[in-house]
Protein backbone atom coordinates (compact mmCIF):
# COMPACT_ATOMS: atom_id res chain seq x y z
CA UNK A 1 176.33 118.93 119.83
CA UNK A 2 177.55 120.70 122.90
CA UNK A 3 176.26 123.98 124.15
CA UNK A 4 177.96 126.22 126.66
CA UNK A 5 176.18 128.89 128.08
CA UNK A 6 177.61 132.36 129.44
CA UNK A 7 176.72 133.49 133.03
CA UNK A 8 177.85 135.78 135.65
CA UNK A 9 179.29 134.44 138.84
CA UNK A 10 177.47 135.91 141.78
CA UNK A 11 178.76 133.83 144.53
CA UNK A 12 181.82 131.49 145.23
CA UNK A 13 182.15 128.96 148.00
CA UNK A 14 183.41 125.59 148.60
CA UNK A 15 181.52 122.34 148.93
CA UNK A 16 182.89 119.03 149.92
CA UNK A 17 186.28 120.42 148.85
CA UNK A 18 185.13 121.52 145.53
CA UNK A 19 185.20 125.08 144.34
CA UNK A 20 181.76 126.06 143.49
CA UNK A 21 179.58 129.15 142.68
CA UNK A 22 176.22 130.54 141.79
CA UNK A 23 175.99 131.71 138.14
CA UNK A 24 173.22 134.06 137.00
CA UNK A 25 171.95 133.22 133.42
CA UNK A 26 169.85 136.22 132.84
CA UNK A 27 167.74 135.88 136.14
CA UNK A 28 167.99 132.07 136.47
CA UNK A 29 170.62 131.25 139.02
CA UNK A 30 172.27 127.68 139.00
CA UNK A 31 175.18 126.27 140.90
CA UNK A 32 178.31 125.33 138.84
CA UNK A 33 181.66 123.73 139.61
CA UNK A 34 184.55 126.28 139.26
CA UNK A 35 187.35 123.82 139.37
CA UNK A 36 188.53 124.37 135.98
CA UNK A 37 188.74 128.11 136.44
CA UNK A 38 190.13 128.49 140.13
CA UNK A 39 190.98 132.01 139.26
CA UNK A 40 187.41 133.08 138.95
CA UNK A 41 185.95 135.98 140.88
CA UNK A 42 182.67 137.20 141.87
CA UNK A 43 181.48 139.47 138.98
CA UNK A 44 183.35 137.33 136.13
CA UNK A 45 181.54 135.66 133.28
CA UNK A 46 182.01 131.95 132.55
CA UNK A 47 181.02 129.69 129.83
CA UNK A 48 179.10 126.87 131.68
CA UNK A 49 178.37 123.43 130.18
CA UNK A 50 176.51 120.54 132.12
CA UNK A 51 177.19 122.39 135.61
CA UNK A 52 180.87 123.03 134.86
CA UNK A 53 182.41 126.51 134.11
CA UNK A 54 184.91 125.79 131.39
CA UNK A 55 186.37 129.25 130.83
CA UNK A 56 186.14 132.68 131.71
CA UNK A 57 185.03 135.40 129.22
CA UNK A 58 184.63 139.07 129.30
CA UNK A 59 181.26 140.74 129.68
CA UNK A 60 181.12 142.00 126.20
CA UNK A 61 181.69 138.40 124.94
CA UNK A 62 178.99 137.17 127.08
CA UNK A 63 176.41 139.79 126.22
CA UNK A 64 177.21 139.26 122.52
CA UNK A 65 176.55 135.46 122.80
CA UNK A 66 173.37 135.93 124.68
CA UNK A 67 172.24 138.34 121.92
CA UNK A 68 172.94 135.64 119.42
CA UNK A 69 171.01 133.10 121.48
CA UNK A 70 168.10 135.53 121.40
CA UNK A 71 168.32 135.94 117.74
CA UNK A 72 168.25 132.18 117.04
CA UNK A 73 165.29 131.80 119.25
CA UNK A 74 163.43 134.43 117.64
CA UNK A 75 163.99 133.09 114.11
CA UNK A 76 163.11 129.56 115.38
CA UNK A 77 159.74 131.10 116.68
CA UNK A 78 158.97 132.65 113.38
CA UNK A 79 159.78 129.80 111.31
CA UNK A 80 157.45 127.60 113.64
CA UNK A 81 154.45 129.87 112.64
CA UNK A 82 154.39 128.73 109.11
């Protein structure tokens, strides 16, 4: 199963001819390739999978997805306490 995580683009730059960016995942910042979303701007939210931003989404969609991830983690932690 593949999982794309939403993050906020905080910086955009070019490295070795590739469009790259810094992506903030709730306080954890990672570098990602933005080649698939050349229209991206600082402040946009993107779905990132294995270091590649695959598409842009709204802030509302990003927050909703992050909330769902938090709920999944909470349920898994509760089930692990049996």
